[in-house]
Amino acid sequence: MATDSCEWALQNERWSLDDVLRMLSCLQSGDFKNAEWCQIKGGAMYPCDVYRLRYDCIRQQRNARGLEIYMKFSVDDAGQFRLVLVSCHGSR
């Protein structure tokens, strides 16, 4: 988790890292909303993609009537794969 607000949101929603990875695995290209630079803990800036999908948290799958989930993340491939999760929350 790259920001305090992301940690808080995951705790508030009671989502584990496994839950987040399942949501990420459900993303499709049509879920992409925009790209933006985001500041993380320590002040570093990362290029992030923002996605939105409807997700059924009980069945752990996409669902048109599911909760609207927003995810903002960056993937750093400098030597190894690292996911920088900036935001992950239900619609506010």
PDB file of N, CA and C in Angstrom:
ATOM      1  N   MET A   1       0.843  -1.164   0.000  1.00  0.00           N
ATOM      2  CA  MET A   1       0.000   0.000   0.000  1.00  0.00           C
ATOM      3  C   MET A   1       0.893   1.234   0.000  1.00  0.00           C
ATOM      4  N   ALA A   2       0.690   2.076  -0.960  1.00  0.00           N
ATOM      5  CA  ALA A   2       1.610   3.190  -1.170  1.00  0.00           C
ATOM      6  C   ALA A   2       1.153   4.497  -0.525  1.00  0.00           C
ATOM      7  N   THR A   3      -0.075   4.540  -0.024  1.00  0.00           N
ATOM      8  CA  THR A   3      -0.569   5.754   0.640  1.00  0.00           C
ATOM      9  C   THR A   3      -1.325   5.381   1.908  1.00  0.00           C
ATOM     10  N   ASP A   4      -1.365   6.320   2.835  1.00  0.00           N
ATOM     11  CA  ASP A   4      -2.135   6.095   4.059  1.00  0.00           C
ATOM     12  C   ASP A   4      -3.612   5.940   3.751  1.00  0.00           C
ATOM     13  N   SER A   5      -4.122   6.730   2.791  1.00  0.00           N
ATOM     14  CA  SER A   5      -5.548   6.647   2.461  1.00  0.00           C
ATOM     15  C   SER A   5      -5.901   5.289   1.861  1.00  0.00           C
ATOM     16  N   CYS A   6      -4.972   4.679   1.134  1.00  0.00           N
ATOM     17  CA  CYS A   6      -5.209   3.344   0.586  1.00  0.00           C
ATOM     18  C   CYS A   6      -5.288   2.323   1.716  1.00  0.00           C
ATOM     19  N   GLU A   7      -4.352   2.390   2.664  1.00  0.00           N
ATOM     20  CA  GLU A   7      -4.390   1.485   3.810  1.00  0.00           C
ATOM     21  C   GLU A   7      -5.692   1.640   4.582  1.00  0.00           C
ATOM     22  N   TRP A   8      -6.093   2.882   4.814  1.00  0.00           N
ATOM     23  CA  TRP A   8      -7.327   3.147   5.554  1.00  0.00           C
ATOM     24  C   TRP A   8      -8.535   2.578   4.808  1.00  0.00           C
ATOM     25  N   ALA A   9      -8.588   2.798   3.488  1.00  0.00           N
ATOM     26  CA  ALA A   9      -9.722   2.319   2.697  1.00  0.00           C
ATOM     27  C   ALA A   9      -9.818   0.798   2.729  1.00  0.00           C
ATOM     28  N   LEU A  10      -8.676   0.122   2.611  1.00  0.00           N
ATOM     29  CA  LEU A  10      -8.702  -1.345   2.653  1.00  0.00           C
ATOM     30  C   LEU A  10      -9.158  -1.848   4.017  1.00  0.00           C
ATOM     31  N   GLN A  11      -8.695  -1.202   5.075  1.00  0.00           N
ATOM     32  CA  GLN A  11      -9.146  -1.580   6.416  1.00  0.00           C
ATOM     33  C   GLN A  11     -10.633  -1.306   6.579  1.00  0.00           C
ATOM     34  N   ASN A  12     -11.086  -0.162   6.090  1.00  0.00           N
ATOM     35  CA  ASN A  12     -12.492   0.216   6.205  1.00  0.00           C
ATOM     36  C   ASN A  12     -13.397  -0.768   5.465  1.00  0.00           C
ATOM     37  N   GLU A  13     -12.961  -1.195   4.282  1.00  0.00           N
ATOM     38  CA  GLU A  13     -13.749  -2.155   3.481  1.00  0.00           C
ATOM     39  C   GLU A  13     -13.531  -3.593   3.940  1.00  0.00           C
ATOM     40  N   ARG A  14     -12.525  -3.798   4.803  1.00  0.00           N
ATOM     41  CA  ARG A  14     -12.134  -5.135   5.264  1.00  0.00           C
ATOM     42  C   ARG A  14     -11.672  -6.022   4.111  1.00  0.00           C
ATOM     43  N   TRP A  15     -10.883  -5.416   3.211  1.00  0.00           N
ATOM     44  CA  TRP A  15     -10.323  -6.140   2.075  1.00  0.00           C
ATOM     45  C   TRP A  15      -8.882  -6.511   2.380  1.00  0.00           C
ATOM     46  N   SER A  16      -8.531  -7.735   2.063  1.00  0.00           N
ATOM     47  CA  SER A  16      -7.155  -8.205   2.215  1.00  0.00           C
ATOM     48  C   SER A  16      -6.394  -7.968   0.907  1.00  0.00           C
ATOM     49  N   LEU A  17      -5.103  -8.210   0.949  1.00  0.00           N
ATOM     50  CA  LEU A  17      -4.305  -8.115  -0.268  1.00  0.00           C
ATOM     51  C   LEU A  17      -4.792  -9.147  -1.288  1.00  0.00           C
ATOM     52  N   ASP A  18      -5.196 -10.327  -0.828  1.00  0.00           N
ATOM     53  CA  ASP A  18      -5.753 -11.339  -1.739  1.00  0.00           C
ATOM     54  C   ASP A  18      -7.010 -10.810  -2.428  1.00  0.00           C
ATOM     55  N   ASP A  19      -7.863 -10.089  -1.691  1.00  0.00           N
ATOM     56  CA  ASP A  19      -9.064  -9.498  -2.294  1.00  0.00           C
ATOM     57  C   ASP A  19      -8.674  -8.519  -3.403  1.00  0.00           C
ATOM     58  N   VAL A  20      -7.690  -7.688  -3.118  1.00  0.00           N
ATOM     59  CA  VAL A  20      -7.234  -6.697  -4.099  1.00  0.00           C
ATOM     60  C   VAL A  20      -6.684  -7.397  -5.341  1.00  0.00           C
ATOM     61  N   LEU A  21      -5.900  -8.452  -5.156  1.00  0.00           N
ATOM     62  CA  LEU A  21      -5.353  -9.175  -6.300  1.00  0.00           C
ATOM     63  C   LEU A  21      -6.454  -9.817  -7.131  1.00  0.00           C
ATOM     64  N   ARG A  22      -7.496 -10.310  -6.494  1.00  0.00           N
ATOM     65  CA  ARG A  22      -8.631 -10.873  -7.245  1.00  0.00           C
ATOM     66  C   ARG A  22      -9.315  -9.785  -8.065  1.00  0.00           C
ATOM     67  N   MET A  23      -9.496  -8.599  -7.460  1.00  0.00           N
ATOM     68  CA  MET A  23     -10.102  -7.477  -8.193  1.00  0.00           C
ATOM     69  C   MET A  23      -9.237  -7.097  -9.389  1.00  0.00           C
ATOM     70  N   LEU A  24      -7.919  -7.007  -9.164  1.00  0.00           N
ATOM     71  CA  LEU A  24      -7.009  -6.676 -10.262  1.00  0.00           C
ATOM     72  C   LEU A  24      -7.107  -7.690 -11.393  1.00  0.00           C
ATOM     73  N   SER A  25      -7.246  -8.960 -11.043  1.00  0.00           N
ATOM     74  CA  SER A  25      -7.320 -10.001 -12.071  1.00  0.00           C
ATOM     75  C   SER A  25      -8.610  -9.912 -12.889  1.00  0.00           C
ATOM     76  N   CYS A  26      -9.606  -9.199 -12.381  1.00  0.00           N
ATOM     77  CA  CYS A  26     -10.881  -9.047 -13.090  1.00  0.00           C
ATOM     78  C   CYS A  26     -10.908  -7.828 -14.019  1.00  0.00           C
ATOM     79  N   LEU A  27      -9.900  -6.978 -13.933  1.00  0.00           N
ATOM     80  CA  LEU A  27      -9.893  -5.769 -14.746  1.00  0.00           C
ATOM     81  C   LEU A  27      -9.820  -6.098 -16.232  1.00  0.00           C
ATOM     82  N   GLN A  28     -10.520  -5.285 -17.007  1.00  0.00           N
ATOM     83  CA  GLN A  28     -10.495  -5.390 -18.460  1.00  0.00           C
ATOM     84  C   GLN A  28     -10.116  -4.028 -19.032  1.00  0.00           C
ATOM     85  N   SER A  29      -9.678  -4.005 -20.269  1.00  0.00           N
ATOM     86  CA  SER A  29      -9.226  -2.751 -20.875  1.00  0.00           C
ATOM     87  C   SER A  29     -10.314  -1.680 -20.851  1.00  0.00           C
ATOM     88  N   GLY A  30     -11.577  -2.059 -20.951  1.00  0.00           N
ATOM     89  CA  GLY A  30     -12.675  -1.100 -20.924  1.00  0.00           C
ATOM     90  C   GLY A  30     -12.893  -0.456 -19.564  1.00  0.00           C
ATOM     91  N   ASP A  31     -12.250  -0.987 -18.524  1.00  0.00           N
ATOM     92  CA  ASP A  31     -12.374  -0.424 -17.175  1.00  0.00           C
ATOM     93  C   ASP A  31     -11.437   0.771 -16.966  1.00  0.00           C
ATOM     94  N   PHE A  32     -10.492   0.969 -17.881  1.00  0.00           N
ATOM     95  CA  PHE A  32      -9.522   2.063 -17.755  1.00  0.00           C
ATOM     96  C   PHE A  32     -10.239   3.404 -17.855  1.00  0.00           C
ATOM     97  N   LYS A  33      -9.922   4.311 -16.923  1.00  0.00           N
ATOM     98  CA  LYS A  33     -10.548   5.639 -16.914  1.00  0.00           C
ATOM     99  C   LYS A  33      -9.565   6.739 -17.275  1.00  0.00           C
ATOM    100  N   ASN A  34      -8.384   6.734 -16.689  1.00  0.00           N
ATOM    101  CA  ASN A  34      -7.384   7.732 -17.048  1.00  0.00           C
ATOM    102  C   ASN A  34      -6.042   7.373 -16.429  1.00  0.00           C
ATOM    103  N   ALA A  35      -5.047   8.187 -16.747  1.00  0.00           N
ATOM    104  CA  ALA A  35      -3.709   8.024 -16.180  1.00  0.00           C
ATOM    105  C   ALA A  35      -3.329   9.344 -15.527  1.00  0.00           C
ATOM    106  N   GLU A  36      -2.616   9.251 -14.413  1.00  0.00           N
ATOM    107  CA  GLU A  36      -2.212  10.463 -13.709  1.00  0.00           C
ATOM    108  C   GLU A  36      -0.992  10.160 -12.854  1.00  0.00           C
ATOM    109  N   TRP A  37      -0.265  11.199 -12.512  1.00  0.00           N
ATOM    110  CA  TRP A  37       0.861  11.075 -11.600  1.00  0.00           C
ATOM    111  C   TRP A  37       0.341  11.167 -10.180  1.00  0.00           C
ATOM    112  N   CYS A  38       0.845  10.298  -9.305  1.00  0.00           N
ATOM    113  CA  CYS A  38       0.389  10.264  -7.916  1.00  0.00           C
ATOM    114  C   CYS A  38       1.574  10.256  -6.969  1.00  0.00           C
ATOM    115  N   GLN A  39       1.412  10.993  -5.885  1.00  0.00           N
ATOM    116  CA  GLN A  39       2.446  11.021  -4.859  1.00  0.00           C
ATOM    117  C   GLN A  39       2.151   9.941  -3.830  1.00  0.00           C
ATOM    118  N   ILE A  40       3.201   9.202  -3.457  1.00  0.00           N
ATOM    119  CA  ILE A  40       3.046   8.139  -2.472  1.00  0.00           C
ATOM    120  C   ILE A  40       3.791   8.518  -1.200  1.00  0.00           C
ATOM    121  N   LYS A  41       3.721   7.633  -0.195  1.00  0.00           N
ATOM    122  CA  LYS A  41       4.455   7.857   1.054  1.00  0.00           C
ATOM    123  C   LYS A  41       5.916   8.136   0.737  1.00  0.00           C
ATOM    124  N   GLY A  42       6.482   9.093   1.416  1.00  0.00           N
ATOM    125  CA  GLY A  42       7.873   9.449   1.186  1.00  0.00           C
ATOM    126  C   GLY A  42       8.046  10.495   0.100  1.00  0.00           C
ATOM    127  N   GLY A  43       6.979  10.836  -0.608  1.00  0.00           N
ATOM    128  CA  GLY A  43       7.016  11.922  -1.578  1.00  0.00           C
ATOM    129  C   GLY A  43       7.310  11.549  -3.011  1.00  0.00           C
ATOM    130  N   ALA A  44       7.656  10.299  -3.291  1.00  0.00           N
ATOM    131  CA  ALA A  44       7.940   9.896  -4.673  1.00  0.00           C
ATOM    132  C   ALA A  44       6.677  10.004  -5.532  1.00  0.00           C
ATOM    133  N   MET A  45       6.877  10.301  -6.808  1.00  0.00           N
ATOM    134  CA  MET A  45       5.767  10.386  -7.752  1.00  0.00           C
ATOM    135  C   MET A  45       5.806   9.160  -8.668  1.00  0.00           C
ATOM    136  N   TYR A  46       4.630   8.576  -8.917  1.00  0.00           N
ATOM    137  CA  TYR A  46       4.524   7.416  -9.784  1.00  0.00           C
ATOM    138  C   TYR A  46       3.470   7.656 -10.854  1.00  0.00           C
ATOM    139  N   PRO A  47       3.727   7.177 -12.077  1.00  0.00           N
ATOM    140  CA  PRO A  47       2.687   7.226 -13.110  1.00  0.00           C
ATOM    141  C   PRO A  47       1.672   6.118 -12.809  1.00  0.00           C
ATOM    142  N   CYS A  48       0.412   6.495 -12.657  1.00  0.00           N
ATOM    143  CA  CYS A  48      -0.616   5.533 -12.259  1.00  0.00           C
ATOM    144  C   CYS A  48      -1.740   5.460 -13.284  1.00  0.00           C
ATOM    145  N   ASP A  49      -2.349   4.301 -13.353  1.00  0.00           N
ATOM    146  CA  ASP A  49      -3.559   4.097 -14.134  1.00  0.00           C
ATOM    147  C   ASP A  49      -4.726   3.995 -13.177  1.00  0.00           C
ATOM    148  N   VAL A  50      -5.844   4.556 -13.580  1.00  0.00           N
ATOM    149  CA  VAL A  50      -7.064   4.521 -12.777  1.00  0.00           C
ATOM    150  C   VAL A  50      -8.080   3.646 -13.502  1.00  0.00           C
ATOM    151  N   TYR A  51      -8.625   2.694 -12.773  1.00  0.00           N
ATOM    152  CA  TYR A  51      -9.628   1.775 -13.314  1.00  0.00           C
ATOM    153  C   TYR A  51     -10.873   1.808 -12.435  1.00  0.00           C
ATOM    154  N   ARG A  52     -11.998   1.508 -13.063  1.00  0.00           N
ATOM    155  CA  ARG A  52     -13.271   1.406 -12.338  1.00  0.00           C
ATOM    156  C   ARG A  52     -13.985   0.155 -12.844  1.00  0.00           C
ATOM    157  N   LEU A  53     -14.454  -0.659 -11.910  1.00  0.00           N
ATOM    158  CA  LEU A  53     -15.210  -1.843 -12.297  1.00  0.00           C
ATOM    159  C   LEU A  53     -16.315  -2.103 -11.296  1.00  0.00           C
ATOM    160  N   ARG A  54     -17.295  -2.860 -11.711  1.00  0.00           N
ATOM    161  CA  ARG A  54     -18.357  -3.337 -10.828  1.00  0.00           C
ATOM    162  C   ARG A  54     -17.962  -4.739 -10.392  1.00  0.00           C
ATOM    163  N   TYR A  55     -17.974  -4.956  -9.067  1.00  0.00           N
ATOM    164  CA  TYR A  55     -17.415  -6.189  -8.522  1.00  0.00           C
ATOM    165  C   TYR A  55     -18.301  -6.713  -7.405  1.00  0.00           C
ATOM    166  N   ASP A  56     -18.564  -8.016  -7.445  1.00  0.00           N
ATOM    167  CA  ASP A  56     -19.312  -8.698  -6.397  1.00  0.00           C
ATOM    168  C   ASP A  56     -18.298  -9.230  -5.387  1.00  0.00           C
ATOM    169  N   CYS A  57     -18.229  -8.601  -4.229  1.00  0.00           N
ATOM    170  CA  CYS A  57     -17.226  -8.966  -3.219  1.00  0.00           C
ATOM    171  C   CYS A  57     -17.487 -10.335  -2.606  1.00  0.00           C
ATOM    172  N   ILE A  58     -18.727 -10.777  -2.591  1.00  0.00           N
ATOM    173  CA  ILE A  58     -19.054 -12.092  -2.031  1.00  0.00           C
ATOM    174  C   ILE A  58     -18.622 -13.199  -2.984  1.00  0.00           C
ATOM    175  N   ARG A  59     -19.004 -13.070  -4.245  1.00  0.00           N
ATOM    176  CA  ARG A  59     -18.654 -14.086  -5.249  1.00  0.00           C
ATOM    177  C   ARG A  59     -17.253 -13.882  -5.832  1.00  0.00           C
ATOM    178  N   GLN A  60     -16.651 -12.747  -5.528  1.00  0.00           N
ATOM    179  CA  GLN A  60     -15.306 -12.396  -5.992  1.00  0.00           C
ATOM    180  C   GLN A  60     -15.187 -12.466  -7.509  1.00  0.00           C
ATOM    181  N   GLN A  61     -16.113 -11.732  -8.161  1.00  0.00           N
ATOM    182  CA  GLN A  61     -16.119 -11.692  -9.622  1.00  0.00           C
ATOM    183  C   GLN A  61     -16.785 -10.415 -10.107  1.00  0.00           C
ATOM    184  N   ARG A  62     -16.578 -10.110 -11.369  1.00  0.00           N
ATOM    185  CA  ARG A  62     -17.246  -8.966 -11.980  1.00  0.00           C
ATOM    186  C   ARG A  62     -18.754  -9.191 -11.922  1.00  0.00           C
ATOM    187  N   ASN A  63     -19.495  -8.110 -11.740  1.00  0.00           N
ATOM    188  CA  ASN A  63     -20.948  -8.205 -11.738  1.00  0.00           C
ATOM    189  C   ASN A  63     -21.495  -6.813 -12.023  1.00  0.00           C
ATOM    190  N   ALA A  64     -22.339  -6.701 -13.026  1.00  0.00           N
ATOM    191  CA  ALA A  64     -22.897  -5.404 -13.427  1.00  0.00           C
ATOM    192  C   ALA A  64     -23.650  -4.725 -12.287  1.00  0.00           C
ATOM    193  N   ARG A  65     -24.130  -5.502 -11.328  1.00  0.00           N
ATOM    194  CA  ARG A  65     -24.864  -4.930 -10.185  1.00  0.00           C
ATOM    195  C   ARG A  65     -24.014  -4.856  -8.923  1.00  0.00           C
ATOM    196  N   GLY A  66     -22.735  -5.187  -9.063  1.00  0.00           N
ATOM    197  CA  GLY A  66     -21.839  -5.190  -7.906  1.00  0.00           C
ATOM    198  C   GLY A  66     -21.431  -3.787  -7.481  1.00  0.00           C
ATOM    199  N   LEU A  67     -20.633  -3.753  -6.430  1.00  0.00           N
ATOM    200  CA  LEU A  67     -20.106  -2.507  -5.894  1.00  0.00           C
ATOM    201  C   LEU A  67     -19.161  -1.877  -6.920  1.00  0.00           C
ATOM    202  N   GLU A  68     -19.291  -0.577  -7.111  1.00  0.00           N
ATOM    203  CA  GLU A  68     -18.378   0.118  -8.011  1.00  0.00           C
ATOM    204  C   GLU A  68     -17.050   0.321  -7.278  1.00  0.00           C
ATOM    205  N   ILE A  69     -15.984  -0.257  -7.835  1.00  0.00           N
ATOM    206  CA  ILE A  69     -14.661  -0.222  -7.225  1.00  0.00           C
ATOM    207  C   ILE A  69     -13.744   0.674  -8.061  1.00  0.00           C
ATOM    208  N   TYR A  70     -12.987   1.514  -7.370  1.00  0.00           N
ATOM    209  CA  TYR A  70     -11.972   2.338  -8.021  1.00  0.00           C
ATOM    210  C   TYR A  70     -10.606   1.832  -7.588  1.00  0.00           C
ATOM    211  N   MET A  71      -9.714   1.662  -8.555  1.00  0.00           N
ATOM    212  CA  MET A  71      -8.359   1.215  -8.273  1.00  0.00           C
ATOM    213  C   MET A  71      -7.379   2.128  -8.992  1.00  0.00           C
ATOM    214  N   LYS A  72      -6.366   2.565  -8.282  1.00  0.00           N
ATOM    215  CA  LYS A  72      -5.321   3.406  -8.859  1.00  0.00           C
ATOM    216  C   LYS A  72      -3.992   2.763  -8.493  1.00  0.00           C
ATOM    217  N   PHE A  73      -3.202   2.449  -9.514  1.00  0.00           N
ATOM    218  CA  PHE A  73      -1.963   1.730  -9.246  1.00  0.00           C
ATOM    219  C   PHE A  73      -0.928   1.984 -10.327  1.00  0.00           C
ATOM    220  N   SER A  74       0.301   1.624  -9.985  1.00  0.00           N
ATOM    221  CA  SER A  74       1.425   1.700 -10.902  1.00  0.00           C
ATOM    222  C   SER A  74       2.143   0.367 -10.849  1.00  0.00           C
ATOM    223  N   VAL A  75       2.723  -0.035 -11.949  1.00  0.00           N
ATOM    224  CA  VAL A  75       3.511  -1.256 -11.993  1.00  0.00           C
ATOM    225  C   VAL A  75       4.938  -0.862 -12.334  1.00  0.00           C
ATOM    226  N   ASP A  76       5.853  -1.170 -11.442  1.00  0.00           N
ATOM    227  CA  ASP A  76       7.266  -0.853 -11.605  1.00  0.00           C
ATOM    228  C   ASP A  76       7.989  -2.116 -12.021  1.00  0.00           C
ATOM    229  N   ASP A  77       8.575  -2.101 -13.207  1.00  0.00           N
ATOM    230  CA  ASP A  77       9.252  -3.305 -13.684  1.00  0.00           C
ATOM    231  C   ASP A  77      10.758  -3.116 -13.753  1.00  0.00           C
ATOM    232  N   ALA A  78      11.280  -2.252 -12.918  1.00  0.00           N
ATOM    233  CA  ALA A  78      12.728  -2.021 -12.892  1.00  0.00           C
ATOM    234  C   ALA A  78      13.430  -3.170 -12.162  1.00  0.00           C
ATOM    235  N   GLY A  79      13.670  -4.249 -12.871  1.00  0.00           N
ATOM    236  CA  GLY A  79      14.374  -5.382 -12.282  1.00  0.00           C
ATOM    237  C   GLY A  79      13.462  -6.448 -11.711  1.00  0.00           C
ATOM    238  N   GLN A  80      12.310  -6.054 -11.223  1.00  0.00           N
ATOM    239  CA  GLN A  80      11.350  -7.031 -10.707  1.00  0.00           C
ATOM    240  C   GLN A  80       9.955  -6.426 -10.725  1.00  0.00           C
ATOM    241  N   PHE A  81       8.961  -7.274 -10.736  1.00  0.00           N
ATOM    242  CA  PHE A  81       7.587  -6.796 -10.745  1.00  0.00           C
ATOM    243  C   PHE A  81       7.206  -6.299  -9.363  1.00  0.00           C
ATOM    244  N   ARG A  82       6.676  -5.081  -9.295  1.00  0.00           N
ATOM    245  CA  ARG A  82       6.221  -4.522  -8.025  1.00  0.00           C
ATOM    246  C   ARG A  82       4.966  -3.704  -8.301  1.00  0.00           C
ATOM    247  N   LEU A  83       3.919  -4.003  -7.588  1.00  0.00           N
ATOM    248  CA  LEU A  83       2.657  -3.263  -7.703  1.00  0.00           C
ATOM    249  C   LEU A  83       2.646  -2.164  -6.658  1.00  0.00           C
ATOM    250  N   VAL A  84       2.407  -0.934  -7.090  1.00  0.00           N
ATOM    251  CA  VAL A  84       2.317   0.204  -6.191  1.00  0.00           C
ATOM    252  C   VAL A  84       0.849   0.607  -6.156  1.00  0.00           C
ATOM    253  N   LEU A  85       0.147   0.167  -5.110  1.00  0.00           N
ATOM    254  CA  LEU A  85      -1.288   0.425  -4.982  1.00  0.00           C
ATOM    255  C   LEU A  85      -1.486   1.765  -4.283  1.00  0.00           C
ATOM    256  N   VAL A  86      -2.031   2.731  -5.007  1.00  0.00           N
ATOM    257  CA  VAL A  86      -2.209   4.078  -4.487  1.00  0.00           C
ATOM    258  C   VAL A  86      -3.606   4.264  -3.901  1.00  0.00           C
ATOM    259  N   SER A  87      -4.594   3.613  -4.520  1.00  0.00           N
ATOM    260  CA  SER A  87      -5.965   3.765  -4.056  1.00  0.00           C
ATOM    261  C   SER A  87      -6.776   2.546  -4.445  1.00  0.00           C
ATOM    262  N   CYS A  88      -7.655   2.114  -3.551  1.00  0.00           N
ATOM    263  CA  CYS A  88      -8.568   1.022  -3.822  1.00  0.00           C
ATOM    264  C   CYS A  88      -9.747   1.176  -2.885  1.00  0.00           C
ATOM    265  N   HIS A  89     -10.898   1.531  -3.433  1.00  0.00           N
ATOM    266  CA  HIS A  89     -12.061   1.781  -2.574  1.00  0.00           C
ATOM    267  C   HIS A  89     -13.348   1.642  -3.361  1.00  0.00           C
ATOM    268  N   GLY A  90     -14.430   1.484  -2.633  1.00  0.00           N
ATOM    269  CA  GLY A  90     -15.749   1.512  -3.227  1.00  0.00           C
ATOM    270  C   GLY A  90     -16.116   2.943  -3.577  1.00  0.00           C
ATOM    271  N   SER A  91     -17.177   3.109  -4.362  1.00  0.00           N
ATOM    272  CA  SER A  91     -17.589   4.463  -4.749  1.00  0.00           C
ATOM    273  C   SER A  91     -17.928   5.266  -3.510  1.00  0.00           C
ATOM    274  N   ARG A  92     -17.581   6.518  -3.555  1.00  0.00           N
ATOM    275  CA  ARG A  92     -17.789   7.391  -2.399  1.00  0.00           C
ATOM    276  C   ARG A  92     -18.961   8.299  -2.628  1.00  0.00           C
TER     277      ARG A  92
END
